[in-house]
Amino acid sequence: MAVVRAAVDRGVTMFDTAEIYGPHTNEELVGEALAPVREAVVIATKFWRAGSRGAIRSSVEGSLRRLRTERIDLLYAHRLDPRYSVEDVAGTVSELVDEGKVGAFGLSEVGATTIRRAHAVLPLAAVQNEYSLWARESEGTVFDTLEELGIGFVPWSPLGQGFLTGTVRPGDRFSDGDVRAWFPRFTKAAREANAPLVDAIARVAERVDATSAQVALAWVLARRPWIVPIPGTRRLERLEENLAAADLRLDSATVAELTAVVDRIRVHGPRGTGNERYS
């Protein structure tokens, strides 16, 4: 809570959580931390599996209670259940918007076709997919669709679960509670194979007098003007480091250099969560 409140003090206005984080405990923490400044911030949360109308409404009622708020500013479908159409999901969220319980609608881990289908029922404010120097699946049709429809893009894990910061090395061990312990991209062999990408970021960071994390975030910010990355941290010093990336302006040549490096290096290991290809 101290880090969340410090973020507010430093000008952060959007906070992202989800009912599955914990599960539930992260929403409770965010709700308590932001209660004194609720009107000054935007809270985004997600209901886990976008299923029946009743299940979605039940999830939202639980999130409202845990977040200590009367309205969720931005509500995402965290993942879509293939048994239910995205049109029905959007229709249920539209009801919640009409009731004043939800401000705006978003989807997570989706592709262009799904975005268009949902947007036709209820305009989307944001799409949240994984995106970073080593997760670029949204480039192309997703980006083109978002730009055409005027939808914002919120990259989750813009630092590659910490790998792109250079603080994760091939010999590191992860605790059982760390999701990276079961992500294929974080096996020892994959980390060794992907190390050249980290080294390339570090070289640019040294040249521009910044940290690797700041360079990785600045690259994301430079890709499109409607991108809002959401790096996460529990530590104040990392919060301040990440925020400073907003003031780091990489010139077009440096952005192109980093992009070219990724084009040359084949990232080893699947992402381990979500979709390898968006539909």
C-alpha atoms as a PDB file:
ATOM      1  CA  MET A   1       0.000   0.000   0.000  1.00  0.00           C
ATOM      2  CA  ALA A   2       2.899   2.349   0.659  1.00  0.00           C
ATOM      3  CA  VAL A   3       4.115   1.923  -2.925  1.00  0.00           C
ATOM      4  CA  VAL A   4       0.621   2.482  -4.349  1.00  0.00           C
ATOM      5  CA  ARG A   5       0.205   5.667  -2.352  1.00  0.00           C
ATOM      6  CA  ALA A   6       3.698   6.801  -3.312  1.00  0.00           C
ATOM      7  CA  ALA A   7       2.727   6.300  -6.945  1.00  0.00           C
ATOM      8  CA  VAL A   8      -0.255   8.609  -6.488  1.00  0.00           C
ATOM      9  CA  ASP A   9       2.002  11.208  -4.876  1.00  0.00           C
ATOM     10  CA  ARG A  10       4.258  11.012  -7.949  1.00  0.00           C
ATOM     11  CA  GLY A  11       1.435  11.605 -10.410  1.00  0.00           C
ATOM     12  CA  VAL A  12       0.323   8.087 -11.330  1.00  0.00           C
ATOM     13  CA  THR A  13      -3.400   8.154 -12.089  1.00  0.00           C
ATOM     14  CA  MET A  14      -4.236   4.662 -13.420  1.00  0.00           C
ATOM     15  CA  PHE A  15      -4.013   1.446 -11.430  1.00  0.00           C
ATOM     16  CA  ASP A  16      -4.581  -1.996 -12.904  1.00  0.00           C
ATOM     17  CA  THR A  17      -5.701  -5.070 -10.981  1.00  0.00           C
ATOM     18  CA  ALA A  18      -7.912  -8.149 -11.443  1.00  0.00           C
ATOM     19  CA  GLU A  19     -10.131 -10.419  -9.426  1.00  0.00           C
ATOM     20  CA  ILE A  20      -7.804 -13.362 -10.083  1.00  0.00           C
ATOM     21  CA  TYR A  21      -4.768 -11.634  -8.583  1.00  0.00           C
ATOM     22  CA  GLY A  22      -4.502 -13.288  -5.210  1.00  0.00           C
ATOM     23  CA  PRO A  23      -7.231 -14.242  -6.018  1.00  0.00           C
ATOM     24  CA  HIS A  24      -9.163 -11.215  -4.724  1.00  0.00           C
ATOM     25  CA  THR A  25      -6.477  -9.988  -2.324  1.00  0.00           C
ATOM     26  CA  ASN A  26      -4.922  -7.541  -4.790  1.00  0.00           C
ATOM     27  CA  GLU A  27      -8.263  -5.842  -5.390  1.00  0.00           C
ATOM     28  CA  GLU A  28      -8.670  -5.494  -1.629  1.00  0.00           C
ATOM     29  CA  LEU A  29      -5.212  -3.941  -1.319  1.00  0.00           C
ATOM     30  CA  VAL A  30      -5.796  -1.545  -4.213  1.00  0.00           C
ATOM     31  CA  GLY A  31      -9.202  -0.582  -2.849  1.00  0.00           C
ATOM     32  CA  GLU A  32      -7.855   0.207   0.595  1.00  0.00           C
ATOM     33  CA  ALA A  33      -4.791   2.044  -0.712  1.00  0.00           C
ATOM     34  CA  LEU A  34      -6.761   4.250  -3.102  1.00  0.00           C
ATOM     35  CA  ALA A  35      -9.856   4.905  -0.994  1.00  0.00           C
ATOM     36  CA  PRO A  36      -8.588   8.287   0.281  1.00  0.00           C
ATOM     37  CA  VAL A  37      -7.890   9.503  -3.291  1.00  0.00           C
ATOM     38  CA  ARG A  38     -10.570   7.596  -5.189  1.00  0.00           C
ATOM     39  CA  GLU A  39     -11.809  10.579  -7.196  1.00  0.00           C
ATOM     40  CA  ALA A  40      -8.294  11.431  -8.400  1.00  0.00           C
ATOM     41  CA  VAL A  41      -7.461   8.054  -9.965  1.00  0.00           C
ATOM     42  CA  VAL A  42      -8.682   5.572 -12.551  1.00  0.00           C
ATOM     43  CA  ILE A  43      -9.102   1.970 -11.406  1.00  0.00           C
ATOM     44  CA  ALA A  44      -9.054  -0.832 -13.959  1.00  0.00           C
ATOM     45  CA  THR A  45      -9.887  -4.416 -13.065  1.00  0.00           C
ATOM     46  CA  LYS A  46     -10.790  -7.630 -14.860  1.00  0.00           C
ATOM     47  CA  PHE A  47     -13.289 -10.434 -14.465  1.00  0.00           C
ATOM     48  CA  TRP A  48     -11.560 -13.746 -15.116  1.00  0.00           C
ATOM     49  CA  ARG A  49     -13.469 -15.959 -17.521  1.00  0.00           C
ATOM     50  CA  ALA A  50     -15.984 -14.038 -19.604  1.00  0.00           C
ATOM     51  CA  GLY A  51     -18.917 -16.400 -19.268  1.00  0.00           C
ATOM     52  CA  SER A  52     -22.612 -16.097 -18.589  1.00  0.00           C
ATOM     53  CA  ARG A  53     -24.419 -12.861 -17.830  1.00  0.00           C
ATOM     54  CA  GLY A  54     -24.930 -13.949 -14.217  1.00  0.00           C
ATOM     55  CA  ALA A  55     -21.262 -14.890 -13.734  1.00  0.00           C
ATOM     56  CA  ILE A  56     -20.048 -11.571 -15.116  1.00  0.00           C
ATOM     57  CA  ARG A  57     -22.437  -9.573 -12.951  1.00  0.00           C
ATOM     58  CA  SER A  58     -21.436 -11.563  -9.873  1.00  0.00           C
ATOM     59  CA  SER A  59     -17.744 -10.934 -10.570  1.00  0.00           C
ATOM     60  CA  VAL A  60     -18.333  -7.214 -10.975  1.00  0.00           C
ATOM     61  CA  GLU A  61     -20.303  -6.976  -7.737  1.00  0.00           C
ATOM     62  CA  GLY A  62     -17.430  -8.685  -5.926  1.00  0.00           C
ATOM     63  CA  SER A  63     -14.873  -6.351  -7.482  1.00  0.00           C
ATOM     64  CA  LEU A  64     -16.900  -3.269  -6.561  1.00  0.00           C
ATOM     65  CA  ARG A  65     -17.036  -4.439  -2.967  1.00  0.00           C
ATOM     66  CA  ARG A  66     -13.334  -5.255  -2.727  1.00  0.00           C
ATOM     67  CA  LEU A  67     -12.296  -2.049  -4.469  1.00  0.00           C
ATOM     68  CA  ARG A  68     -14.506   0.043  -2.169  1.00  0.00           C
ATOM     69  CA  THR A  69     -16.025   1.899  -5.066  1.00  0.00           C
ATOM     70  CA  GLU A  70     -19.385   2.388  -6.742  1.00  0.00           C
ATOM     71  CA  ARG A  71     -17.940   2.289 -10.249  1.00  0.00           C
ATOM     72  CA  ILE A  72     -15.138   0.442 -12.024  1.00  0.00           C
ATOM     73  CA  ASP A  73     -13.601   2.989 -14.361  1.00  0.00           C
ATOM     74  CA  LEU A  74     -12.277   0.412 -16.836  1.00  0.00           C
ATOM     75  CA  LEU A  75     -13.509  -3.181 -16.815  1.00  0.00           C
ATOM     76  CA  TYR A  76     -11.721  -5.837 -18.868  1.00  0.00           C
ATOM     77  CA  ALA A  77     -12.705  -9.341 -19.786  1.00  0.00           C
ATOM     78  CA  HIS A  78      -9.484 -10.997 -18.600  1.00  0.00           C
ATOM     79  CA  ARG A  79      -9.911 -14.047 -20.812  1.00  0.00           C
ATOM     80  CA  LEU A  80     -12.782 -15.070 -23.076  1.00  0.00           C
ATOM     81  CA  ASP A  81     -14.560 -18.375 -22.569  1.00  0.00           C
ATOM     82  CA  PRO A  82     -15.070 -19.957 -26.018  1.00  0.00           C
ATOM     83  CA  ARG A  83     -18.468 -21.250 -24.897  1.00  0.00           C
ATOM     84  CA  TYR A  84     -19.826 -17.696 -24.888  1.00  0.00           C
ATOM     85  CA  SER A  85     -19.799 -15.140 -27.688  1.00  0.00           C
ATOM     86  CA  VAL A  86     -17.901 -11.911 -27.231  1.00  0.00           C
ATOM     87  CA  GLU A  87     -21.067 -10.130 -28.377  1.00  0.00           C
ATOM     88  CA  ASP A  88     -22.954 -11.497 -25.363  1.00  0.00           C
ATOM     89  CA  VAL A  89     -20.101 -10.493 -23.064  1.00  0.00           C
ATOM     90  CA  ALA A  90     -20.120  -6.973 -24.480  1.00  0.00           C
ATOM     91  CA  GLY A  91     -23.891  -6.847 -24.093  1.00  0.00           C
ATOM     92  CA  THR A  92     -23.671  -7.690 -20.396  1.00  0.00           C
ATOM     93  CA  VAL A  93     -20.988  -5.064 -19.821  1.00  0.00           C
ATOM     94  CA  SER A  94     -23.158  -2.563 -21.710  1.00  0.00           C
ATOM     95  CA  GLU A  95     -25.898  -3.151 -19.140  1.00  0.00           C
ATOM     96  CA  LEU A  96     -23.392  -2.466 -16.348  1.00  0.00           C
ATOM     97  CA  VAL A  97     -22.325   0.750 -18.079  1.00  0.00           C
ATOM     98  CA  ASP A  98     -25.957   1.850 -18.294  1.00  0.00           C
ATOM     99  CA  GLU A  99     -26.353   1.124 -14.575  1.00  0.00           C
ATOM    100  CA  GLY A 100     -23.334   3.273 -13.729  1.00  0.00           C
ATOM    101  CA  LYS A 101     -21.321   0.373 -12.306  1.00  0.00           C
ATOM    102  CA  VAL A 102     -18.765   0.408 -15.131  1.00  0.00           C
ATOM    103  CA  GLY A 103     -17.248   3.379 -16.928  1.00  0.00           C
ATOM    104  CA  ALA A 104     -15.523   1.782 -19.921  1.00  0.00           C
ATOM    105  CA  PHE A 105     -15.017  -1.653 -21.477  1.00  0.00           C
ATOM    106  CA  GLY A 106     -11.814  -3.473 -22.397  1.00  0.00           C
ATOM    107  CA  LEU A 107     -10.577  -6.880 -23.537  1.00  0.00           C
ATOM    108  CA  SER A 108      -7.363  -8.731 -22.726  1.00  0.00           C
ATOM    109  CA  GLU A 109      -5.344 -11.157 -24.868  1.00  0.00           C
ATOM    110  CA  VAL A 110      -7.406 -10.780 -28.024  1.00  0.00           C
ATOM    111  CA  GLY A 111      -6.883 -10.270 -31.730  1.00  0.00           C
ATOM    112  CA  ALA A 112      -8.318  -8.024 -34.413  1.00  0.00           C
ATOM    113  CA  THR A 113     -11.373 -10.123 -35.258  1.00  0.00           C
ATOM    114  CA  THR A 114     -12.521 -10.338 -31.647  1.00  0.00           C
ATOM    115  CA  ILE A 115     -11.842  -6.634 -31.113  1.00  0.00           C
ATOM    116  CA  ARG A 116     -14.081  -5.712 -34.048  1.00  0.00           C
ATOM    117  CA  ARG A 117     -16.885  -8.011 -32.929  1.00  0.00           C
ATOM    118  CA  ALA A 118     -16.932  -6.624 -29.391  1.00  0.00           C
ATOM    119  CA  HIS A 119     -16.517  -3.005 -30.514  1.00  0.00           C
ATOM    120  CA  ALA A 120     -19.606  -3.303 -32.738  1.00  0.00           C
ATOM    121  CA  VAL A 121     -21.718  -3.995 -29.632  1.00  0.00           C
ATOM    122  CA  LEU A 122     -20.030  -1.717 -27.092  1.00  0.00           C
ATOM    123  CA  PRO A 123     -17.130   0.582 -28.052  1.00  0.00           C
ATOM    124  CA  LEU A 124     -13.882  -0.588 -26.490  1.00  0.00           C
ATOM    125  CA  ALA A 125     -11.731   1.883 -24.580  1.00  0.00           C
ATOM    126  CA  ALA A 126      -8.670  -0.351 -24.301  1.00  0.00           C
ATOM    127  CA  VAL A 127      -7.118  -3.681 -25.199  1.00  0.00           C
ATOM    128  CA  GLN A 128      -4.584  -5.229 -22.834  1.00  0.00           C
ATOM    129  CA  ASN A 129      -2.214  -7.716 -24.450  1.00  0.00           C
ATOM    130  CA  GLU A 130       1.301  -8.694 -23.521  1.00  0.00           C
ATOM    131  CA  TYR A 131       3.702  -6.457 -25.420  1.00  0.00           C
ATOM    132  CA  SER A 132       7.392  -5.713 -25.082  1.00  0.00           C
ATOM    133  CA  LEU A 133      10.649  -6.094 -26.942  1.00  0.00           C
ATOM    134  CA  TRP A 134      10.265  -9.865 -26.709  1.00  0.00           C
ATOM    135  CA  ALA A 135       6.470 -10.152 -27.135  1.00  0.00           C
ATOM    136  CA  ARG A 136       5.433  -8.375 -30.327  1.00  0.00           C
ATOM    137  CA  GLU A 137       2.470 -10.468 -31.457  1.00  0.00           C
ATOM    138  CA  SER A 138       0.131  -7.460 -31.374  1.00  0.00           C
ATOM    139  CA  GLU A 139       2.060  -5.623 -34.078  1.00  0.00           C
ATOM    140  CA  GLY A 140       0.319  -5.716 -37.416  1.00  0.00           C
ATOM    141  CA  THR A 141      -3.407  -6.414 -37.487  1.00  0.00           C
ATOM    142  CA  VAL A 142      -4.068  -5.671 -33.791  1.00  0.00           C
ATOM    143  CA  PHE A 143      -2.261  -2.326 -33.895  1.00  0.00           C
ATOM    144  CA  ASP A 144      -3.882  -1.446 -37.219  1.00  0.00           C
ATOM    145  CA  THR A 145      -7.332  -2.212 -35.834  1.00  0.00           C
ATOM    146  CA  LEU A 146      -6.796  -0.246 -32.637  1.00  0.00           C
ATOM    147  CA  GLU A 147      -5.596   2.775 -34.585  1.00  0.00           C
ATOM    148  CA  GLU A 148      -8.539   2.594 -36.983  1.00  0.00           C
ATOM    149  CA  LEU A 149     -11.115   2.310 -34.198  1.00  0.00           C
ATOM    150  CA  GLY A 150      -9.498   4.727 -31.757  1.00  0.00           C
ATOM    151  CA  ILE A 151      -8.876   2.156 -29.013  1.00  0.00           C
ATOM    152  CA  GLY A 152      -6.036   2.484 -26.507  1.00  0.00           C
ATOM    153  CA  PHE A 153      -3.452  -0.241 -25.981  1.00  0.00           C
ATOM    154  CA  VAL A 154      -2.281  -1.267 -22.510  1.00  0.00           C
ATOM    155  CA  PRO A 155       0.716  -3.621 -22.645  1.00  0.00           C
ATOM    156  CA  TRP A 156       0.997  -5.952 -19.702  1.00  0.00           C
ATOM    157  CA  SER A 157       4.461  -7.128 -18.729  1.00  0.00           C
ATOM    158  CA  PRO A 158       6.252  -4.447 -20.771  1.00  0.00           C
ATOM    159  CA  LEU A 159       9.487  -5.495 -19.036  1.00  0.00           C
ATOM    160  CA  GLY A 160       9.133  -9.167 -19.936  1.00  0.00           C
ATOM    161  CA  GLN A 161       8.447 -10.289 -16.346  1.00  0.00           C
ATOM    162  CA  GLY A 162      11.680  -8.563 -15.415  1.00  0.00           C
ATOM    163  CA  PHE A 163      13.863 -10.358 -17.950  1.00  0.00           C
ATOM    164  CA  LEU A 164      14.457  -7.300 -20.119  1.00  0.00           C
ATOM    165  CA  THR A 165      15.782  -5.327 -17.147  1.00  0.00           C
ATOM    166  CA  GLY A 166      18.914  -7.461 -17.016  1.00  0.00           C
ATOM    167  CA  THR A 167      18.268  -8.500 -13.420  1.00  0.00           C
ATOM    168  CA  VAL A 168      17.284 -12.076 -14.345  1.00  0.00           C
ATOM    169  CA  ARG A 169      20.247 -14.226 -15.290  1.00  0.00           C
ATOM    170  CA  PRO A 170      20.452 -17.812 -16.615  1.00  0.00           C
ATOM    171  CA  GLY A 171      21.449 -19.304 -13.248  1.00  0.00           C
ATOM    172  CA  ASP A 172      18.685 -17.704 -11.177  1.00  0.00           C
ATOM    173  CA  ARG A 173      16.151 -19.901  -9.377  1.00  0.00           C
ATOM    174  CA  PHE A 174      12.517 -18.890  -8.927  1.00  0.00           C
ATOM    175  CA  SER A 175      10.399 -19.673  -5.893  1.00  0.00           C
ATOM    176  CA  ASP A 176       7.316 -21.862  -6.248  1.00  0.00           C
ATOM    177  CA  GLY A 177       5.108 -18.790  -5.871  1.00  0.00           C
ATOM    178  CA  ASP A 178       6.788 -17.021  -8.796  1.00  0.00           C
ATOM    179  CA  VAL A 179       4.873 -17.562 -12.058  1.00  0.00           C
ATOM    180  CA  ARG A 180       8.161 -17.498 -13.943  1.00  0.00           C
ATOM    181  CA  ALA A 181       8.970 -20.854 -12.379  1.00  0.00           C
ATOM    182  CA  TRP A 182       6.581 -22.493 -14.864  1.00  0.00           C
ATOM    183  CA  PHE A 183       6.833 -20.134 -17.850  1.00  0.00           C
ATOM    184  CA  PRO A 184       8.667 -21.921 -20.723  1.00  0.00           C
ATOM    185  CA  ARG A 185      10.480 -18.702 -21.606  1.00  0.00           C
ATOM    186  CA  PHE A 186      12.156 -18.751 -18.187  1.00  0.00           C
ATOM    187  CA  THR A 187      13.796 -22.149 -18.316  1.00  0.00           C
ATOM    188  CA  LYS A 188      17.557 -21.995 -17.916  1.00  0.00           C
ATOM    189  CA  ALA A 189      18.073 -22.923 -21.566  1.00  0.00           C
ATOM    190  CA  ALA A 190      15.651 -20.257 -22.797  1.00  0.00           C
ATOM    191  CA  ARG A 191      17.249 -17.577 -20.626  1.00  0.00           C
ATOM    192  CA  GLU A 192      20.664 -18.455 -21.994  1.00  0.00           C
ATOM    193  CA  ALA A 193      19.355 -18.339 -25.567  1.00  0.00           C
ATOM    194  CA  ASN A 194      17.581 -15.006 -25.013  1.00  0.00           C
ATOM    195  CA  ALA A 195      20.521 -13.318 -23.259  1.00  0.00           C
ATOM    196  CA  PRO A 196      21.686 -11.490 -26.453  1.00  0.00           C
ATOM    197  CA  LEU A 197      18.490  -9.422 -26.362  1.00  0.00           C
ATOM    198  CA  VAL A 198      19.211  -8.334 -22.787  1.00  0.00           C
ATOM    199  CA  ASP A 199      22.781  -7.501 -23.747  1.00  0.00           C
ATOM    200  CA  ALA A 200      21.612  -5.343 -26.655  1.00  0.00           C
ATOM    201  CA  ILE A 201      19.246  -3.376 -24.391  1.00  0.00           C
ATOM    202  CA  ALA A 202      22.050  -2.895 -21.874  1.00  0.00           C
ATOM    203  CA  ARG A 203      24.351  -1.469 -24.549  1.00  0.00           C
ATOM    204  CA  VAL A 204      21.756   1.111 -25.547  1.00  0.00           C
ATOM    205  CA  ALA A 205      21.063   1.902 -21.889  1.00  0.00           C
ATOM    206  CA  GLU A 206      24.717   2.660 -21.263  1.00  0.00           C
ATOM    207  CA  ARG A 207      24.857   4.893 -24.321  1.00  0.00           C
ATOM    208  CA  VAL A 208      21.799   6.975 -23.347  1.00  0.00           C
ATOM    209  CA  ASP A 209      22.663   7.051 -19.626  1.00  0.00           C
ATOM    210  CA  ALA A 210      19.584   5.117 -18.516  1.00  0.00           C
ATOM    211  CA  THR A 211      18.763   1.729 -17.060  1.00  0.00           C
ATOM    212  CA  SER A 212      17.768  -1.260 -19.159  1.00  0.00           C
ATOM    213  CA  ALA A 213      14.255  -1.110 -17.689  1.00  0.00           C
ATOM    214  CA  GLN A 214      13.902   2.513 -18.736  1.00  0.00           C
ATOM    215  CA  VAL A 215      15.073   1.745 -22.270  1.00  0.00           C
ATOM    216  CA  ALA A 216      12.649  -1.180 -22.590  1.00  0.00           C
ATOM    217  CA  LEU A 217       9.743   0.993 -21.412  1.00  0.00           C
ATOM    218  CA  ALA A 218      10.782   3.944 -23.575  1.00  0.00           C
ATOM    219  CA  TRP A 219      10.834   1.655 -26.629  1.00  0.00           C
ATOM    220  CA  VAL A 220       7.251   0.571 -25.886  1.00  0.00           C
ATOM    221  CA  LEU A 221       6.133   4.178 -25.405  1.00  0.00           C
ATOM    222  CA  ALA A 222       7.760   5.183 -28.679  1.00  0.00           C
ATOM    223  CA  ARG A 223       5.923   2.576 -30.739  1.00  0.00           C
ATOM    224  CA  ARG A 224       2.536   4.371 -30.777  1.00  0.00           C
ATOM    225  CA  PRO A 225       1.180   7.504 -29.042  1.00  0.00           C
ATOM    226  CA  TRP A 226      -1.840   5.613 -27.694  1.00  0.00           C
ATOM    227  CA  ILE A 227       0.159   3.022 -25.730  1.00  0.00           C
ATOM    228  CA  VAL A 228       0.029   3.038 -21.911  1.00  0.00           C
ATOM    229  CA  PRO A 229       2.275   0.322 -20.417  1.00  0.00           C
ATOM    230  CA  ILE A 230       1.601  -0.932 -16.890  1.00  0.00           C
ATOM    231  CA  PRO A 231       4.866  -2.099 -15.291  1.00  0.00           C
ATOM    232  CA  GLY A 232       4.347  -3.581 -11.861  1.00  0.00           C
ATOM    233  CA  THR A 233       6.548  -3.427  -8.793  1.00  0.00           C
ATOM    234  CA  ARG A 234       6.476  -3.793  -5.026  1.00  0.00           C
ATOM    235  CA  ARG A 235       9.485  -1.536  -4.430  1.00  0.00           C
ATOM    236  CA  LEU A 236       9.627   2.249  -4.315  1.00  0.00           C
ATOM    237  CA  GLU A 237      13.001   2.473  -6.036  1.00  0.00           C
ATOM    238  CA  ARG A 238      11.714   0.423  -8.978  1.00  0.00           C
ATOM    239  CA  LEU A 239       8.585   2.576  -9.165  1.00  0.00           C
ATOM    240  CA  GLU A 240      10.710   5.698  -9.455  1.00  0.00           C
ATOM    241  CA  GLU A 241      12.978   4.040 -12.014  1.00  0.00           C
ATOM    242  CA  ASN A 242      10.001   3.033 -14.154  1.00  0.00           C
ATOM    243  CA  LEU A 243       8.352   6.455 -13.951  1.00  0.00           C
ATOM    244  CA  ALA A 244      11.537   8.108 -15.160  1.00  0.00           C
ATOM    245  CA  ALA A 245      11.172   6.167 -18.426  1.00  0.00           C
ATOM    246  CA  ALA A 246       8.354   8.548 -19.374  1.00  0.00           C
ATOM    247  CA  ASP A 247      10.951  11.310 -19.667  1.00  0.00           C
ATOM    248  CA  LEU A 248      13.393   9.224 -21.715  1.00  0.00           C
ATOM    249  CA  ARG A 249      12.994  10.081 -25.373  1.00  0.00           C
ATOM    250  CA  LEU A 250      14.659   7.567 -27.653  1.00  0.00           C
ATOM    251  CA  ASP A 251      15.345   9.005 -31.093  1.00  0.00           C
ATOM    252  CA  SER A 252      13.973   7.204 -34.130  1.00  0.00           C
ATOM    253  CA  ALA A 253      17.362   5.695 -34.955  1.00  0.00           C
ATOM    254  CA  THR A 254      17.656   4.105 -31.505  1.00  0.00           C
ATOM    255  CA  VAL A 255      14.099   2.775 -31.640  1.00  0.00           C
ATOM    256  CA  ALA A 256      14.848   1.291 -35.061  1.00  0.00           C
ATOM    257  CA  GLU A 257      18.106  -0.170 -33.754  1.00  0.00           C
ATOM    258  CA  LEU A 258      16.370  -1.998 -30.918  1.00  0.00           C
ATOM    259  CA  THR A 259      13.596  -3.203 -33.203  1.00  0.00           C
ATOM    260  CA  ALA A 260      16.157  -4.534 -35.662  1.00  0.00           C
ATOM    261  CA  VAL A 261      17.924  -6.425 -32.875  1.00  0.00           C
ATOM    262  CA  VAL A 262      14.697  -8.212 -31.980  1.00  0.00           C
ATOM    263  CA  ASP A 263      14.058  -8.945 -35.638  1.00  0.00           C
ATOM    264  CA  ARG A 264      17.433 -10.714 -35.800  1.00  0.00           C
ATOM    265  CA  ILE A 265      17.171 -12.610 -32.508  1.00  0.00           C
ATOM    266  CA  ARG A 266      14.649 -15.425 -32.401  1.00  0.00           C
ATOM    267  CA  VAL A 267      13.122 -15.393 -28.937  1.00  0.00           C
ATOM    268  CA  HIS A 268      13.222 -18.886 -27.446  1.00  0.00           C
ATOM    269  CA  GLY A 269      10.298 -20.365 -25.574  1.00  0.00           C
ATOM    270  CA  PRO A 270       6.557 -19.629 -25.823  1.00  0.00           C
ATOM    271  CA  ARG A 271       5.123 -16.858 -23.694  1.00  0.00           C
ATOM    272  CA  GLY A 272       3.570 -19.372 -21.313  1.00  0.00           C
ATOM    273  CA  THR A 273       0.281 -17.528 -20.895  1.00  0.00           C
ATOM    274  CA  GLY A 274      -2.428 -16.250 -23.171  1.00  0.00           C
ATOM    275  CA  ASN A 275      -2.247 -16.815 -26.904  1.00  0.00           C
ATOM    276  CA  GLU A 276       0.776 -17.111 -29.125  1.00  0.00           C
ATOM    277  CA  ARG A 277      -1.393 -15.793 -31.942  1.00  0.00           C
ATOM    278  CA  TYR A 278      -4.322 -13.495 -31.403  1.00  0.00           C
ATOM    279  CA  SER A 279      -7.652 -14.126 -33.110  1.00  0.00           C
END
